[in-house]
Amino acid sequence: MTLSLDEALPEKRAARRAFDRARDFAGASFIHDEARTRLLARLDVLRLAPRLVVDLGCGLGSGASALAARYPGALVVALDSSQNMLRSAAASADAAFAVVGGDAERVPLKAHCAELVRANLVLPWCRPDVVFAEAARVLAADGVALFATLGPDTLKEVREAFAAADDRIHVHAAFDMHDLGDLALAAGLADPVLDVDRLEVTYADVAALVRDLRAMGAVNVAGARRRGLTGVARWRRFEQALVATPGHRFAVTVELILGQAFGRGPIQRRGEPGEIRVPLERLKRPSKST
């Protein structure tokens, strides 16, 4: 099946609704927590004394709180488009950081005002080229963009199991590390450095996996997703393909990509921003991707 980018990538309104409905994010956000820890560790080797820090997709505010503790002299702005996440972040803010409603693809801040922009697992739900362009716009010269995202091998077992049930998309597309580096450069960021790690998460049954995904808001929001119910027969085919031995634990893959890049400050750029040039087949990688 050949899909357009809009069909293969997340639908933004549906993604926002999913996070608004996420009722136990803290209890299931262990991948977010791991990525946050790794991103914060990267700051240990960066000499920064930021005046303004922007946390894109702040979630419950844990990352913004850690950034405020690390840089007590900075104003930390925690930004999210989900009202559910914003309420939780505001409840935990304790005046340590400012909570602002907004979209990572349209950051409500003036150009070149921040020395640090952090995006922890925001890119899977956005157009990364647009987010990178906004980071480049907001960052001062030599400011740092720090990000964690998910690569195409994330949930590859789920994608392959659903392929045995029907021909619709059930796990939206993702960008690999090399394409993300190219997009960061094209968006106006400098010297991107990315690395990748693959984690395995095991579950006792499919119901436990589904509970975690729903609790985190990580449901299928691809543009070409099936809009109706999956149906009992399709779901059983999916379960049988995912769990090779009923009653035994099974594993799913998380491909975690971490990266950083630098702001260039005000420069003259050519071309139209936001135009994505990664071929769709690079996103799909049917033999082994999500």
C-alpha atoms as a PDB file:
ATOM      1  CA  MET A   1       0.000   0.000   0.000  1.00  0.00           C
ATOM      2  CA  THR A   2       1.417   3.384  -1.023  1.00  0.00           C
ATOM      3  CA  LEU A   3       0.648   6.235   1.349  1.00  0.00           C
ATOM      4  CA  SER A   4       1.156   9.967   1.234  1.00  0.00           C
ATOM      5  CA  LEU A   5       3.001  11.697   4.062  1.00  0.00           C
ATOM      6  CA  ASP A   6      -0.274  12.977   5.507  1.00  0.00           C
ATOM      7  CA  GLU A   7      -1.616   9.415   5.541  1.00  0.00           C
ATOM      8  CA  ALA A   8       1.513   7.814   7.042  1.00  0.00           C
ATOM      9  CA  LEU A   9       2.289  10.445   9.679  1.00  0.00           C
ATOM     10  CA  PRO A  10       0.205  11.412  12.743  1.00  0.00           C
ATOM     11  CA  GLU A  11      -2.899  13.530  12.440  1.00  0.00           C
ATOM     12  CA  LYS A  12      -2.226  16.413  14.833  1.00  0.00           C
ATOM     13  CA  ARG A  13      -5.748  16.945  16.161  1.00  0.00           C
ATOM     14  CA  ALA A  14      -6.152  13.246  16.844  1.00  0.00           C
ATOM     15  CA  ALA A  15      -2.782  13.167  18.625  1.00  0.00           C
ATOM     16  CA  ARG A  16      -3.794  16.093  20.834  1.00  0.00           C
ATOM     17  CA  ARG A  17      -7.075  14.364  21.708  1.00  0.00           C
ATOM     18  CA  ALA A  18      -5.189  11.187  22.607  1.00  0.00           C
ATOM     19  CA  PHE A  19      -2.983  13.072  25.068  1.00  0.00           C
ATOM     20  CA  ASP A  20      -6.017  14.876  26.468  1.00  0.00           C
ATOM     21  CA  ARG A  21      -7.508  11.444  27.212  1.00  0.00           C
ATOM     22  CA  ALA A  22      -4.316   9.971  28.707  1.00  0.00           C
ATOM     23  CA  ARG A  23      -5.313   9.339  32.309  1.00  0.00           C
ATOM     24  CA  ASP A  24      -2.274   7.506  33.737  1.00  0.00           C
ATOM     25  CA  PHE A  25       0.609   9.044  31.836  1.00  0.00           C
ATOM     26  CA  ALA A  26       2.913   9.030  34.869  1.00  0.00           C
ATOM     27  CA  GLY A  27       2.303   5.344  35.497  1.00  0.00           C
ATOM     28  CA  ALA A  28       3.206   4.292  31.951  1.00  0.00           C
ATOM     29  CA  SER A  29       5.761   6.888  30.842  1.00  0.00           C
ATOM     30  CA  PHE A  30       8.891   4.826  31.515  1.00  0.00           C
ATOM     31  CA  ILE A  31      10.227   5.414  27.976  1.00  0.00           C
ATOM     32  CA  HIS A  32       9.715   9.170  28.395  1.00  0.00           C
ATOM     33  CA  ASP A  33      11.481   8.961  31.763  1.00  0.00           C
ATOM     34  CA  GLU A  34      14.439   7.081  30.278  1.00  0.00           C
ATOM     35  CA  ALA A  35      14.734   9.539  27.400  1.00  0.00           C
ATOM     36  CA  ARG A  36      14.514  12.485  29.802  1.00  0.00           C
ATOM     37  CA  THR A  37      17.327  11.071  31.939  1.00  0.00           C
ATOM     38  CA  ARG A  38      19.536  10.583  28.893  1.00  0.00           C
ATOM     39  CA  LEU A  39      18.853  14.070  27.546  1.00  0.00           C
ATOM     40  CA  LEU A  40      19.633  15.687  30.887  1.00  0.00           C
ATOM     41  CA  ALA A  41      22.905  13.735  31.030  1.00  0.00           C
ATOM     42  CA  ARG A  42      23.912  15.298  27.721  1.00  0.00           C
ATOM     43  CA  LEU A  43      23.775  18.714  29.349  1.00  0.00           C
ATOM     44  CA  ASP A  44      26.667  17.692  31.616  1.00  0.00           C
ATOM     45  CA  VAL A  45      29.132  18.180  28.766  1.00  0.00           C
ATOM     46  CA  LEU A  46      27.606  21.383  27.395  1.00  0.00           C
ATOM     47  CA  ARG A  47      28.692  24.740  28.793  1.00  0.00           C
ATOM     48  CA  LEU A  48      25.421  26.590  29.019  1.00  0.00           C
ATOM     49  CA  ALA A  49      24.236  29.489  31.128  1.00  0.00           C
ATOM     50  CA  PRO A  50      20.828  29.993  29.549  1.00  0.00           C
ATOM     51  CA  ARG A  51      18.538  32.899  30.261  1.00  0.00           C
ATOM     52  CA  LEU A  52      15.555  31.261  28.535  1.00  0.00           C
ATOM     53  CA  VAL A  53      14.900  27.516  28.240  1.00  0.00           C
ATOM     54  CA  VAL A  54      11.990  26.122  26.199  1.00  0.00           C
ATOM     55  CA  ASP A  55      10.625  22.645  26.924  1.00  0.00           C
ATOM     56  CA  LEU A  56       8.539  21.587  23.912  1.00  0.00           C
ATOM     57  CA  GLY A  57       5.835  19.047  24.674  1.00  0.00           C
ATOM     58  CA  CYS A  58       6.365  19.369  28.411  1.00  0.00           C
ATOM     59  CA  GLY A  59       3.920  16.618  29.384  1.00  0.00           C
ATOM     60  CA  LEU A  60       3.506  16.460  33.157  1.00  0.00           C
ATOM     61  CA  GLY A  61       6.314  18.977  33.696  1.00  0.00           C
ATOM     62  CA  SER A  62       8.976  16.608  35.051  1.00  0.00           C
ATOM     63  CA  GLY A  63      11.531  17.684  32.454  1.00  0.00           C
ATOM     64  CA  ALA A  64      10.794  21.396  32.931  1.00  0.00           C
ATOM     65  CA  SER A  65      11.189  20.974  36.672  1.00  0.00           C
ATOM     66  CA  ALA A  66      14.573  19.279  36.208  1.00  0.00           C
ATOM     67  CA  LEU A  67      15.705  22.049  33.840  1.00  0.00           C
ATOM     68  CA  ALA A  68      14.621  24.724  36.319  1.00  0.00           C
ATOM     69  CA  ALA A  69      16.629  23.011  39.059  1.00  0.00           C
ATOM     70  CA  ARG A  70      19.686  22.763  36.815  1.00  0.00           C
ATOM     71  CA  TYR A  71      19.489  26.384  35.638  1.00  0.00           C
ATOM     72  CA  PRO A  72      18.029  28.367  38.577  1.00  0.00           C
ATOM     73  CA  GLY A  73      18.854  31.678  36.909  1.00  0.00           C
ATOM     74  CA  ALA A  74      16.880  30.868  33.757  1.00  0.00           C
ATOM     75  CA  LEU A  75      13.248  31.299  32.855  1.00  0.00           C
ATOM     76  CA  VAL A  76      11.967  27.850  31.859  1.00  0.00           C
ATOM     77  CA  VAL A  77       8.928  27.846  29.569  1.00  0.00           C
ATOM     78  CA  ALA A  78       7.019  24.548  29.512  1.00  0.00           C
ATOM     79  CA  LEU A  79       4.908  24.340  26.350  1.00  0.00           C
ATOM     80  CA  ASP A  80       2.288  21.765  25.331  1.00  0.00           C
ATOM     81  CA  SER A  81      -0.779  21.657  23.098  1.00  0.00           C
ATOM     82  CA  SER A  82      -2.711  19.204  25.310  1.00  0.00           C
ATOM     83  CA  GLN A  83      -4.942  20.784  27.957  1.00  0.00           C
ATOM     84  CA  ASN A  84      -4.652  17.619  30.034  1.00  0.00           C
ATOM     85  CA  MET A  85      -0.857  17.822  30.050  1.00  0.00           C
ATOM     86  CA  LEU A  86      -0.889  21.574  30.734  1.00  0.00           C
ATOM     87  CA  ARG A  87      -3.156  21.164  33.766  1.00  0.00           C
ATOM     88  CA  SER A  88      -0.863  18.494  35.202  1.00  0.00           C
ATOM     89  CA  ALA A  89       2.269  20.542  34.522  1.00  0.00           C
ATOM     90  CA  ALA A  90       0.723  23.666  36.078  1.00  0.00           C
ATOM     91  CA  ALA A  91      -0.238  21.710  39.188  1.00  0.00           C
ATOM     92  CA  SER A  92       3.385  20.661  39.657  1.00  0.00           C
ATOM     93  CA  ALA A  93       5.044  23.913  38.600  1.00  0.00           C
ATOM     94  CA  ASP A  94       5.398  25.528  42.043  1.00  0.00           C
ATOM     95  CA  ALA A  95       6.512  28.716  40.258  1.00  0.00           C
ATOM     96  CA  ALA A  96       9.698  26.950  39.132  1.00  0.00           C
ATOM     97  CA  PHE A  97       8.685  27.251  35.482  1.00  0.00           C
ATOM     98  CA  ALA A  98       6.079  28.948  33.319  1.00  0.00           C
ATOM     99  CA  VAL A  99       3.380  26.804  31.668  1.00  0.00           C
ATOM    100  CA  VAL A 100       2.261  27.943  28.218  1.00  0.00           C
ATOM    101  CA  GLY A 101      -0.252  26.455  25.787  1.00  0.00           C
ATOM    102  CA  GLY A 102       1.152  26.149  22.301  1.00  0.00           C
ATOM    103  CA  ASP A 103       2.185  23.966  19.400  1.00  0.00           C
ATOM    104  CA  ALA A 104       5.766  22.757  18.912  1.00  0.00           C
ATOM    105  CA  GLU A 105       5.316  23.519  15.205  1.00  0.00           C
ATOM    106  CA  ARG A 106       4.324  27.134  15.964  1.00  0.00           C
ATOM    107  CA  VAL A 107       6.189  28.192  19.097  1.00  0.00           C
ATOM    108  CA  PRO A 108       4.688  31.431  20.502  1.00  0.00           C
ATOM    109  CA  LEU A 109       8.069  33.085  21.155  1.00  0.00           C
ATOM    110  CA  LYS A 110      10.100  35.668  19.284  1.00  0.00           C
ATOM    111  CA  ALA A 111      13.089  34.735  17.143  1.00  0.00           C
ATOM    112  CA  HIS A 112      16.493  33.959  18.674  1.00  0.00           C
ATOM    113  CA  CYS A 113      15.347  34.433  22.269  1.00  0.00           C
ATOM    114  CA  ALA A 114      16.342  31.075  23.833  1.00  0.00           C
ATOM    115  CA  GLU A 115      19.619  29.388  24.591  1.00  0.00           C
ATOM    116  CA  LEU A 116      18.176  25.888  25.052  1.00  0.00           C
ATOM    117  CA  VAL A 117      15.238  24.118  23.399  1.00  0.00           C
ATOM    118  CA  ARG A 118      14.403  20.614  24.570  1.00  0.00           C
ATOM    119  CA  ALA A 119      11.951  18.242  22.884  1.00  0.00           C
ATOM    120  CA  ASN A 120      11.499  14.908  24.634  1.00  0.00           C
ATOM    121  CA  LEU A 121       9.492  12.496  22.444  1.00  0.00           C
ATOM    122  CA  VAL A 122       7.639  15.322  20.707  1.00  0.00           C
ATOM    123  CA  LEU A 123       8.884  14.604  17.189  1.00  0.00           C
ATOM    124  CA  PRO A 124       6.924  11.325  16.821  1.00  0.00           C
ATOM    125  CA  TRP A 125       3.718  13.393  16.883  1.00  0.00           C
ATOM    126  CA  CYS A 126       4.844  16.286  14.673  1.00  0.00           C
ATOM    127  CA  ARG A 127       6.517  17.054  11.376  1.00  0.00           C
ATOM    128  CA  PRO A 128      10.176  17.008  12.473  1.00  0.00           C
ATOM    129  CA  ASP A 129      11.246  19.372   9.708  1.00  0.00           C
ATOM    130  CA  VAL A 130       8.783  21.985  10.998  1.00  0.00           C
ATOM    131  CA  VAL A 131       9.788  21.516  14.642  1.00  0.00           C
ATOM    132  CA  PHE A 132      13.471  21.796  13.705  1.00  0.00           C
ATOM    133  CA  ALA A 133      12.721  24.987  11.759  1.00  0.00           C
ATOM    134  CA  GLU A 134      10.958  26.441  14.800  1.00  0.00           C
ATOM    135  CA  ALA A 135      13.880  25.465  17.035  1.00  0.00           C
ATOM    136  CA  ALA A 136      16.264  27.157  14.605  1.00  0.00           C
ATOM    137  CA  ARG A 137      14.080  30.274  14.630  1.00  0.00           C
ATOM    138  CA  VAL A 138      13.807  30.444  18.428  1.00  0.00           C
ATOM    139  CA  LEU A 139      17.430  29.608  19.253  1.00  0.00           C
ATOM    140  CA  ALA A 140      20.075  32.259  19.715  1.00  0.00           C
ATOM    141  CA  ALA A 141      23.425  31.776  18.016  1.00  0.00           C
ATOM    142  CA  ASP A 142      25.196  28.795  19.617  1.00  0.00           C
ATOM    143  CA  GLY A 143      22.057  27.875  21.536  1.00  0.00           C
ATOM    144  CA  VAL A 144      21.332  24.155  21.793  1.00  0.00           C
ATOM    145  CA  ALA A 145      18.426  22.048  20.541  1.00  0.00           C
ATOM    146  CA  LEU A 146      18.219  18.777  22.457  1.00  0.00           C
ATOM    147  CA  PHE A 147      15.755  16.106  21.368  1.00  0.00           C
ATOM    148  CA  ALA A 148      14.707  12.491  21.796  1.00  0.00           C
ATOM    149  CA  THR A 149      12.453  10.686  19.357  1.00  0.00           C
ATOM    150  CA  LEU A 150      11.446   7.207  18.195  1.00  0.00           C
ATOM    151  CA  GLY A 151      12.907   5.519  15.128  1.00  0.00           C
ATOM    152  CA  PRO A 152      11.214   3.285  12.543  1.00  0.00           C
ATOM    153  CA  ASP A 153      11.921   0.043  14.423  1.00  0.00           C
ATOM    154  CA  THR A 154       9.733   1.151  17.345  1.00  0.00           C
ATOM    155  CA  LEU A 155       6.836  -1.292  17.786  1.00  0.00           C
ATOM    156  CA  LYS A 156       7.920  -3.174  14.669  1.00  0.00           C
ATOM    157  CA  GLU A 157       6.432  -6.351  16.194  1.00  0.00           C
ATOM    158  CA  VAL A 158       3.042  -4.655  16.486  1.00  0.00           C
ATOM    159  CA  ARG A 159       3.203  -3.391  12.907  1.00  0.00           C
ATOM    160  CA  GLU A 160       4.122  -6.806  11.539  1.00  0.00           C
ATOM    161  CA  ALA A 161       1.422  -8.539  13.598  1.00  0.00           C
ATOM    162  CA  PHE A 162      -1.255  -6.163  12.339  1.00  0.00           C
ATOM    163  CA  ALA A 163      -0.087  -6.864   8.768  1.00  0.00           C
ATOM    164  CA  ALA A 164      -1.341 -10.399   9.337  1.00  0.00           C
ATOM    165  CA  ALA A 165      -4.777  -9.024  10.238  1.00  0.00           C
ATOM    166  CA  ASP A 166      -5.425  -6.419   7.521  1.00  0.00           C
ATOM    167  CA  ASP A 167      -3.726  -4.026   5.113  1.00  0.00           C
ATOM    168  CA  ARG A 168      -4.323  -0.782   7.023  1.00  0.00           C
ATOM    169  CA  ILE A 169      -1.723   1.296   8.875  1.00  0.00           C
ATOM    170  CA  HIS A 170      -1.749   0.708  12.647  1.00  0.00           C
ATOM    171  CA  VAL A 171       1.585   2.228  13.696  1.00  0.00           C
ATOM    172  CA  HIS A 172       2.396   5.546  12.097  1.00  0.00           C
ATOM    173  CA  ALA A 173       5.620   6.137  10.186  1.00  0.00           C
ATOM    174  CA  ALA A 174       8.848   7.421  11.738  1.00  0.00           C
ATOM    175  CA  PHE A 175      12.114   8.909  10.499  1.00  0.00           C
ATOM    176  CA  ASP A 176      15.478   7.216  10.877  1.00  0.00           C
ATOM    177  CA  MET A 177      18.509   8.819  12.482  1.00  0.00           C
ATOM    178  CA  HIS A 178      20.235   9.820   9.238  1.00  0.00           C
ATOM    179  CA  ASP A 179      17.154  11.493   7.777  1.00  0.00           C
ATOM    180  CA  LEU A 180      16.594  13.413  11.028  1.00  0.00           C
ATOM    181  CA  GLY A 181      20.126  14.778  10.841  1.00  0.00           C
ATOM    182  CA  ASP A 182      19.547  15.889   7.251  1.00  0.00           C
ATOM    183  CA  LEU A 183      16.249  17.545   8.197  1.00  0.00           C
ATOM    184  CA  ALA A 184      17.870  19.384  11.108  1.00  0.00           C
ATOM    185  CA  LEU A 185      20.533  20.818   8.793  1.00  0.00           C
ATOM    186  CA  ALA A 186      18.003  21.767   6.133  1.00  0.00           C
ATOM    187  CA  ALA A 187      15.884  23.521   8.782  1.00  0.00           C
ATOM    188  CA  GLY A 188      18.738  25.824   9.757  1.00  0.00           C
ATOM    189  CA  LEU A 189      20.310  24.024  12.709  1.00  0.00           C
ATOM    190  CA  ALA A 190      24.071  23.423  12.814  1.00  0.00           C
ATOM    191  CA  ASP A 191      26.297  20.432  13.602  1.00  0.00           C
ATOM    192  CA  PRO A 192      23.631  17.836  14.452  1.00  0.00           C
ATOM    193  CA  VAL A 193      24.886  14.818  16.388  1.00  0.00           C
ATOM    194  CA  LEU A 194      22.559  11.826  16.775  1.00  0.00           C
ATOM    195  CA  ASP A 195      22.827   8.341  18.188  1.00  0.00           C
ATOM    196  CA  VAL A 196      20.448   5.442  18.513  1.00  0.00           C
ATOM    197  CA  ASP A 197      19.735   2.691  21.024  1.00  0.00           C
ATOM    198  CA  ARG A 198      17.262  -0.169  20.890  1.00  0.00           C
ATOM    199  CA  LEU A 199      15.360  -1.159  23.993  1.00  0.00           C
ATOM    200  CA  GLU A 200      13.147  -4.192  24.594  1.00  0.00           C
ATOM    201  CA  VAL A 201      10.004  -3.967  26.694  1.00  0.00           C
ATOM    202  CA  THR A 202       8.346  -7.230  27.704  1.00  0.00           C
ATOM    203  CA  TYR A 203       4.687  -7.822  28.492  1.00  0.00           C
ATOM    204  CA  ALA A 204       2.715 -10.661  30.008  1.00  0.00           C
ATOM    205  CA  ASP A 205      -0.179 -10.183  27.582  1.00  0.00           C
ATOM    206  CA  VAL A 206      -1.484  -7.924  24.827  1.00  0.00           C
ATOM    207  CA  ALA A 207      -3.916  -6.214  27.198  1.00  0.00           C
ATOM    208  CA  ALA A 208      -1.003  -4.889  29.285  1.00  0.00           C
ATOM    209  CA  LEU A 209       0.674  -3.451  26.180  1.00  0.00           C
ATOM    210  CA  VAL A 210      -2.558  -1.750  25.090  1.00  0.00           C
ATOM    211  CA  ARG A 211      -3.083  -0.292  28.589  1.00  0.00           C
ATOM    212  CA  ASP A 212       0.381   1.279  28.551  1.00  0.00           C
ATOM    213  CA  LEU A 213      -0.037   2.722  25.063  1.00  0.00           C
ATOM    214  CA  ARG A 214      -3.424   4.250  25.879  1.00  0.00           C
ATOM    215  CA  ALA A 215      -2.198   5.578  29.226  1.00  0.00           C
ATOM    216  CA  MET A 216       0.617   7.415  27.434  1.00  0.00           C
ATOM    217  CA  GLY A 217      -1.609   8.680  24.630  1.00  0.00           C
ATOM    218  CA  ALA A 218       0.442   6.563  22.207  1.00  0.00           C
ATOM    219  CA  VAL A 219      -2.451   5.270  20.142  1.00  0.00           C
ATOM    220  CA  ASN A 220      -2.764   4.963  16.377  1.00  0.00           C
ATOM    221  CA  VAL A 221      -3.350   8.465  14.978  1.00  0.00           C
ATOM    222  CA  ALA A 222      -1.967   7.942  11.463  1.00  0.00           C
ATOM    223  CA  GLY A 223      -3.891   9.846   8.833  1.00  0.00           C
ATOM    224  CA  ALA A 224      -4.836   6.642   6.990  1.00  0.00           C
ATOM    225  CA  ARG A 225      -5.808   4.677  10.114  1.00  0.00           C
ATOM    226  CA  ARG A 226      -8.990   2.603  10.176  1.00  0.00           C
ATOM    227  CA  ARG A 227     -11.749   4.851  11.515  1.00  0.00           C
ATOM    228  CA  GLY A 228     -14.120   2.061  12.535  1.00  0.00           C
ATOM    229  CA  LEU A 229     -13.756  -0.754  15.044  1.00  0.00           C
ATOM    230  CA  THR A 230     -11.048  -3.331  14.388  1.00  0.00           C
ATOM    231  CA  GLY A 231     -13.456  -6.231  14.879  1.00  0.00           C
ATOM    232  CA  VAL A 232     -13.062  -9.406  16.917  1.00  0.00           C
ATOM    233  CA  ALA A 233     -11.727 -11.577  14.085  1.00  0.00           C
ATOM    234  CA  ARG A 234      -9.062  -9.056  13.052  1.00  0.00           C
ATOM    235  CA  TRP A 235      -8.002  -8.517  16.666  1.00  0.00           C
ATOM    236  CA  ARG A 236      -7.607 -12.256  17.235  1.00  0.00           C
ATOM    237  CA  ARG A 237      -5.448 -12.566  14.114  1.00  0.00           C
ATOM    238  CA  PHE A 238      -3.322  -9.694  15.409  1.00  0.00           C
ATOM    239  CA  GLU A 239      -2.932 -11.257  18.867  1.00  0.00           C
ATOM    240  CA  GLN A 240      -2.000 -14.623  17.415  1.00  0.00           C
ATOM    241  CA  ALA A 241       0.652 -13.040  15.199  1.00  0.00           C
ATOM    242  CA  LEU A 242       2.079 -10.924  18.039  1.00  0.00           C
ATOM    243  CA  VAL A 243       2.257 -13.581  20.746  1.00  0.00           C
ATOM    244  CA  ALA A 244       3.946 -16.670  19.350  1.00  0.00           C
ATOM    245  CA  THR A 245       3.310 -18.789  22.448  1.00  0.00           C
ATOM    246  CA  PRO A 246       0.068 -18.003  24.313  1.00  0.00           C
ATOM    247  CA  GLY A 247       0.616 -17.578  28.037  1.00  0.00           C
ATOM    248  CA  HIS A 248       4.253 -16.538  27.625  1.00  0.00           C
ATOM    249  CA  ARG A 249       5.748 -13.059  27.804  1.00  0.00           C
ATOM    250  CA  PHE A 250       6.556 -11.280  24.555  1.00  0.00           C
ATOM    251  CA  ALA A 251       8.777  -8.302  23.716  1.00  0.00           C
ATOM    252  CA  VAL A 252       8.335  -5.141  21.679  1.00  0.00           C
ATOM    253  CA  THR A 253      11.139  -2.924  20.385  1.00  0.00           C
ATOM    254  CA  VAL A 254      11.669   0.747  21.154  1.00  0.00           C
ATOM    255  CA  GLU A 255      14.210   2.460  18.893  1.00  0.00           C
ATOM    256  CA  LEU A 256      15.286   5.514  20.877  1.00  0.00           C
ATOM    257  CA  ILE A 257      17.074   8.299  18.972  1.00  0.00           C
ATOM    258  CA  LEU A 258      18.830  11.080  20.884  1.00  0.00           C
ATOM    259  CA  GLY A 259      20.205  14.181  19.219  1.00  0.00           C
ATOM    260  CA  GLN A 260      21.497  17.686  19.616  1.00  0.00           C
ATOM    261  CA  ALA A 261      22.175  20.570  17.266  1.00  0.00           C
ATOM    262  CA  PHE A 262      23.098  24.220  17.551  1.00  0.00           C
ATOM    263  CA  GLY A 263      21.420  27.467  16.662  1.00  0.00           C
ATOM    264  CA  ARG A 264      22.970  29.691  14.017  1.00  0.00           C
ATOM    265  CA  GLY A 265      21.273  32.910  15.031  1.00  0.00           C
ATOM    266  CA  PRO A 266      19.898  35.317  12.414  1.00  0.00           C
ATOM    267  CA  ILE A 267      21.113  34.206   8.989  1.00  0.00           C
ATOM    268  CA  GLN A 268      19.851  34.485   5.437  1.00  0.00           C
ATOM    269  CA  ARG A 269      18.270  31.187   4.326  1.00  0.00           C
ATOM    270  CA  ARG A 270      17.179  30.095   0.893  1.00  0.00           C
ATOM    271  CA  GLY A 271      14.239  27.936  -0.091  1.00  0.00           C
ATOM    272  CA  GLU A 272      10.860  27.330   1.447  1.00  0.00           C
ATOM    273  CA  PRO A 273      10.828  26.165   5.095  1.00  0.00           C
ATOM    274  CA  GLY A 274       8.935  23.034   6.021  1.00  0.00           C
ATOM    275  CA  GLU A 275       9.284  21.222   2.697  1.00  0.00           C
ATOM    276  CA  ILE A 276      10.074  17.611   3.468  1.00  0.00           C
ATOM    277  CA  ARG A 277      12.281  15.717   1.057  1.00  0.00           C
ATOM    278  CA  VAL A 278      12.570  12.259   2.599  1.00  0.00           C
ATOM    279  CA  PRO A 279      11.051   9.604   0.273  1.00  0.00           C
ATOM    280  CA  LEU A 280       8.087   7.835   1.815  1.00  0.00           C
ATOM    281  CA  GLU A 281       9.644   4.417   1.225  1.00  0.00           C
ATOM    282  CA  ARG A 282      12.446   5.458   3.586  1.00  0.00           C
ATOM    283  CA  LEU A 283       9.811   5.959   6.264  1.00  0.00           C
ATOM    284  CA  LYS A 284       7.949   2.713   5.693  1.00  0.00           C
ATOM    285  CA  ARG A 285      10.758   0.170   5.378  1.00  0.00           C
ATOM    286  CA  PRO A 286       8.139  -2.640   5.232  1.00  0.00           C
ATOM    287  CA  SER A 287      10.535  -5.487   5.953  1.00  0.00           C
ATOM    288  CA  LYS A 288      11.579  -4.272   9.391  1.00  0.00           C
ATOM    289  CA  SER A 289      10.021  -0.945  10.348  1.00  0.00           C
ATOM    290  CA  THR A 290       7.047   0.253  12.279  1.00  0.00           C
END
